[in-house]
């Protein structure tokens, strides 16, 4: 993700003010799970513990969705995205979407 564009879950940023609201920006990715990983995850579920393959997949998906959201914000001239949220939805039995969204704005120092 580009280090020049601020992303925050809050709608206000200390020491800054919103001088222009650009609008909704979003980025998403859809990932399919591997049947072999599902089998191993099922076994892991029986004994408990973290399913590290899925943890890694979700972390990568989150970063990809954020990168796409930031790219859309930058393309629209924003220098920040406020109110950032994530949503997930199952697309089919072995595939899920991860969506990052927020409001693209231009911030200036107070």
C-alpha atoms as a PDB file:
ATOM      1  CA  UNK A   1       0.000   0.000   0.000  1.00  0.00           C
ATOM      2  CA  UNK A   2       1.214   3.489  -0.792  1.00  0.00           C
ATOM      3  CA  UNK A   3       2.609   5.212   2.290  1.00  0.00           C
ATOM      4  CA  UNK A   4       1.467   8.667   1.146  1.00  0.00           C
ATOM      5  CA  UNK A   5      -2.260   8.057   1.503  1.00  0.00           C
ATOM      6  CA  UNK A   6      -3.680   7.870   5.029  1.00  0.00           C
ATOM      7  CA  UNK A   7      -6.270   5.167   5.738  1.00  0.00           C
ATOM      8  CA  UNK A   8      -8.170   5.265   9.009  1.00  0.00           C
ATOM      9  CA  UNK A   9     -11.236   3.641  10.513  1.00  0.00           C
ATOM     10  CA  UNK A  10     -12.189   6.957  12.114  1.00  0.00           C
ATOM     11  CA  UNK A  11     -13.968   9.793  10.334  1.00  0.00           C
ATOM     12  CA  UNK A  12     -11.810  12.502  11.888  1.00  0.00           C
ATOM     13  CA  UNK A  13      -8.029  12.816  11.985  1.00  0.00           C
ATOM     14  CA  UNK A  14      -6.336  14.781  14.764  1.00  0.00           C
ATOM     15  CA  UNK A  15      -4.733  17.967  13.479  1.00  0.00           C
ATOM     16  CA  UNK A  16      -6.446  17.681  10.088  1.00  0.00           C
ATOM     17  CA  UNK A  17      -9.708  18.780   8.557  1.00  0.00           C
ATOM     18  CA  UNK A  18     -11.600  17.441   5.581  1.00  0.00           C
ATOM     19  CA  UNK A  19     -11.615  20.105   2.878  1.00  0.00           C
ATOM     20  CA  UNK A  20     -13.230  17.945   0.200  1.00  0.00           C
ATOM     21  CA  UNK A  21     -15.210  14.720   0.243  1.00  0.00           C
ATOM     22  CA  UNK A  22     -14.609  12.769  -2.938  1.00  0.00           C
ATOM     23  CA  UNK A  23     -16.827   9.791  -2.174  1.00  0.00           C
ATOM     24  CA  UNK A  24     -16.973   6.055  -1.769  1.00  0.00           C
ATOM     25  CA  UNK A  25     -13.943   4.011  -2.754  1.00  0.00           C
ATOM     26  CA  UNK A  26     -13.620   0.280  -2.580  1.00  0.00           C
ATOM     27  CA  UNK A  27     -11.361  -2.606  -3.385  1.00  0.00           C
ATOM     28  CA  UNK A  28     -12.147  -6.271  -3.387  1.00  0.00           C
ATOM     29  CA  UNK A  29     -10.674  -9.663  -4.040  1.00  0.00           C
ATOM     30  CA  UNK A  30     -12.258 -13.065  -4.362  1.00  0.00           C
ATOM     31  CA  UNK A  31     -10.260 -16.048  -3.239  1.00  0.00           C
ATOM     32  CA  UNK A  32     -10.966 -19.732  -3.706  1.00  0.00           C
ATOM     33  CA  UNK A  33      -9.963 -22.222  -1.069  1.00  0.00           C
ATOM     34  CA  UNK A  34      -8.035 -25.329  -2.061  1.00  0.00           C
ATOM     35  CA  UNK A  35      -9.837 -28.634  -1.441  1.00  0.00           C
ATOM     36  CA  UNK A  36      -6.653 -30.143   0.041  1.00  0.00           C
ATOM     37  CA  UNK A  37      -6.403 -27.253   2.480  1.00  0.00           C
ATOM     38  CA  UNK A  38     -10.060 -27.725   3.411  1.00  0.00           C
ATOM     39  CA  UNK A  39      -9.340 -31.373   4.249  1.00  0.00           C
ATOM     40  CA  UNK A  40      -6.348 -30.431   6.397  1.00  0.00           C
ATOM     41  CA  UNK A  41      -8.359 -27.643   8.039  1.00  0.00           C
ATOM     42  CA  UNK A  42     -11.061 -30.172   8.894  1.00  0.00           C
ATOM     43  CA  UNK A  43      -8.472 -32.344  10.611  1.00  0.00           C
ATOM     44  CA  UNK A  44      -7.046 -29.325  12.447  1.00  0.00           C
ATOM     45  CA  UNK A  45     -10.567 -28.377  13.532  1.00  0.00           C
ATOM     46  CA  UNK A  46     -10.884 -31.716  15.320  1.00  0.00           C
ATOM     47  CA  UNK A  47      -7.839 -31.088  17.508  1.00  0.00           C
ATOM     48  CA  UNK A  48      -8.028 -27.298  17.689  1.00  0.00           C
ATOM     49  CA  UNK A  49      -5.540 -24.588  16.909  1.00  0.00           C
ATOM     50  CA  UNK A  50      -4.903 -21.968  14.278  1.00  0.00           C
ATOM     51  CA  UNK A  51      -5.368 -22.880  10.627  1.00  0.00           C
ATOM     52  CA  UNK A  52      -2.320 -20.998   9.405  1.00  0.00           C
ATOM     53  CA  UNK A  53      -3.015 -21.462   5.671  1.00  0.00           C
ATOM     54  CA  UNK A  54      -6.326 -19.645   6.065  1.00  0.00           C
ATOM     55  CA  UNK A  55      -4.808 -16.970   8.289  1.00  0.00           C
ATOM     56  CA  UNK A  56      -2.234 -16.274   5.575  1.00  0.00           C
ATOM     57  CA  UNK A  57      -4.869 -16.280   2.816  1.00  0.00           C
ATOM     58  CA  UNK A  58      -7.091 -13.789   4.679  1.00  0.00           C
ATOM     59  CA  UNK A  59      -4.134 -11.497   5.466  1.00  0.00           C
ATOM     60  CA  UNK A  60      -3.102 -11.481   1.793  1.00  0.00           C
ATOM     61  CA  UNK A  61      -6.711 -10.860   0.719  1.00  0.00           C
ATOM     62  CA  UNK A  62      -7.058  -7.962   3.150  1.00  0.00           C
ATOM     63  CA  UNK A  63      -3.885  -6.296   1.830  1.00  0.00           C
ATOM     64  CA  UNK A  64      -4.935  -6.788  -1.793  1.00  0.00           C
ATOM     65  CA  UNK A  65      -8.381  -5.291  -1.149  1.00  0.00           C
ATOM     66  CA  UNK A  66      -6.793  -2.331   0.701  1.00  0.00           C
ATOM     67  CA  UNK A  67      -4.297  -1.768  -2.119  1.00  0.00           C
ATOM     68  CA  UNK A  68      -7.119  -1.682  -4.673  1.00  0.00           C
ATOM     69  CA  UNK A  69      -9.157   0.727  -2.533  1.00  0.00           C
ATOM     70  CA  UNK A  70      -6.127   3.028  -2.113  1.00  0.00           C
ATOM     71  CA  UNK A  71      -5.433   2.933  -5.865  1.00  0.00           C
ATOM     72  CA  UNK A  72      -9.020   4.037  -6.551  1.00  0.00           C
ATOM     73  CA  UNK A  73      -8.745   6.835  -3.982  1.00  0.00           C
ATOM     74  CA  UNK A  74      -5.448   8.065  -5.437  1.00  0.00           C
ATOM     75  CA  UNK A  75      -6.878   7.941  -8.974  1.00  0.00           C
ATOM     76  CA  UNK A  76      -9.676  10.215  -7.750  1.00  0.00           C
ATOM     77  CA  UNK A  77      -7.233  12.720  -6.219  1.00  0.00           C
ATOM     78  CA  UNK A  78      -7.677  11.816  -2.537  1.00  0.00           C
ATOM     79  CA  UNK A  79      -4.930  11.990   0.055  1.00  0.00           C
ATOM     80  CA  UNK A  80      -6.852   9.955   2.659  1.00  0.00           C
ATOM     81  CA  UNK A  81      -9.596   7.395   3.105  1.00  0.00           C
ATOM     82  CA  UNK A  82     -11.652   7.713   6.283  1.00  0.00           C
ATOM     83  CA  UNK A  83     -14.187   5.345   7.791  1.00  0.00           C
ATOM     84  CA  UNK A  84     -12.432   2.287   6.364  1.00  0.00           C
ATOM     85  CA  UNK A  85     -14.333  -0.959   6.856  1.00  0.00           C
ATOM     86  CA  UNK A  86     -14.077  -4.556   5.725  1.00  0.00           C
ATOM     87  CA  UNK A  87     -16.837  -6.923   4.670  1.00  0.00           C
ATOM     88  CA  UNK A  88     -16.788 -10.536   3.595  1.00  0.00           C
ATOM     89  CA  UNK A  89     -19.256 -12.692   1.767  1.00  0.00           C
ATOM     90  CA  UNK A  90     -19.257 -16.241   0.543  1.00  0.00           C
ATOM     91  CA  UNK A  91     -19.528 -16.296  -3.244  1.00  0.00           C
ATOM     92  CA  UNK A  92     -19.846 -20.058  -3.615  1.00  0.00           C
ATOM     93  CA  UNK A  93     -18.949 -23.127  -1.583  1.00  0.00           C
ATOM     94  CA  UNK A  94     -15.174 -22.697  -1.808  1.00  0.00           C
ATOM     95  CA  UNK A  95     -14.773 -18.999  -2.625  1.00  0.00           C
ATOM     96  CA  UNK A  96     -15.179 -15.811  -0.602  1.00  0.00           C
ATOM     97  CA  UNK A  97     -14.986 -12.101  -1.307  1.00  0.00           C
ATOM     98  CA  UNK A  98     -13.181  -9.642   0.916  1.00  0.00           C
ATOM     99  CA  UNK A  99     -14.180  -6.005   0.406  1.00  0.00           C
ATOM    100  CA  UNK A 100     -12.444  -2.910   1.788  1.00  0.00           C
ATOM    101  CA  UNK A 101     -14.351   0.372   1.551  1.00  0.00           C
ATOM    102  CA  UNK A 102     -14.304   3.893   2.892  1.00  0.00           C
ATOM    103  CA  UNK A 103     -14.741   7.556   2.008  1.00  0.00           C
ATOM    104  CA  UNK A 104     -12.037   9.205  -0.080  1.00  0.00           C
ATOM    105  CA  UNK A 105     -11.259  12.732   1.107  1.00  0.00           C
ATOM    106  CA  UNK A 106      -8.736  15.505   0.886  1.00  0.00           C
ATOM    107  CA  UNK A 107      -7.287  16.445   4.259  1.00  0.00           C
ATOM    108  CA  UNK A 108      -5.369  19.580   5.160  1.00  0.00           C
ATOM    109  CA  UNK A 109      -3.570  20.603   8.330  1.00  0.00           C
ATOM    110  CA  UNK A 110      -5.612  22.735  10.711  1.00  0.00           C
END
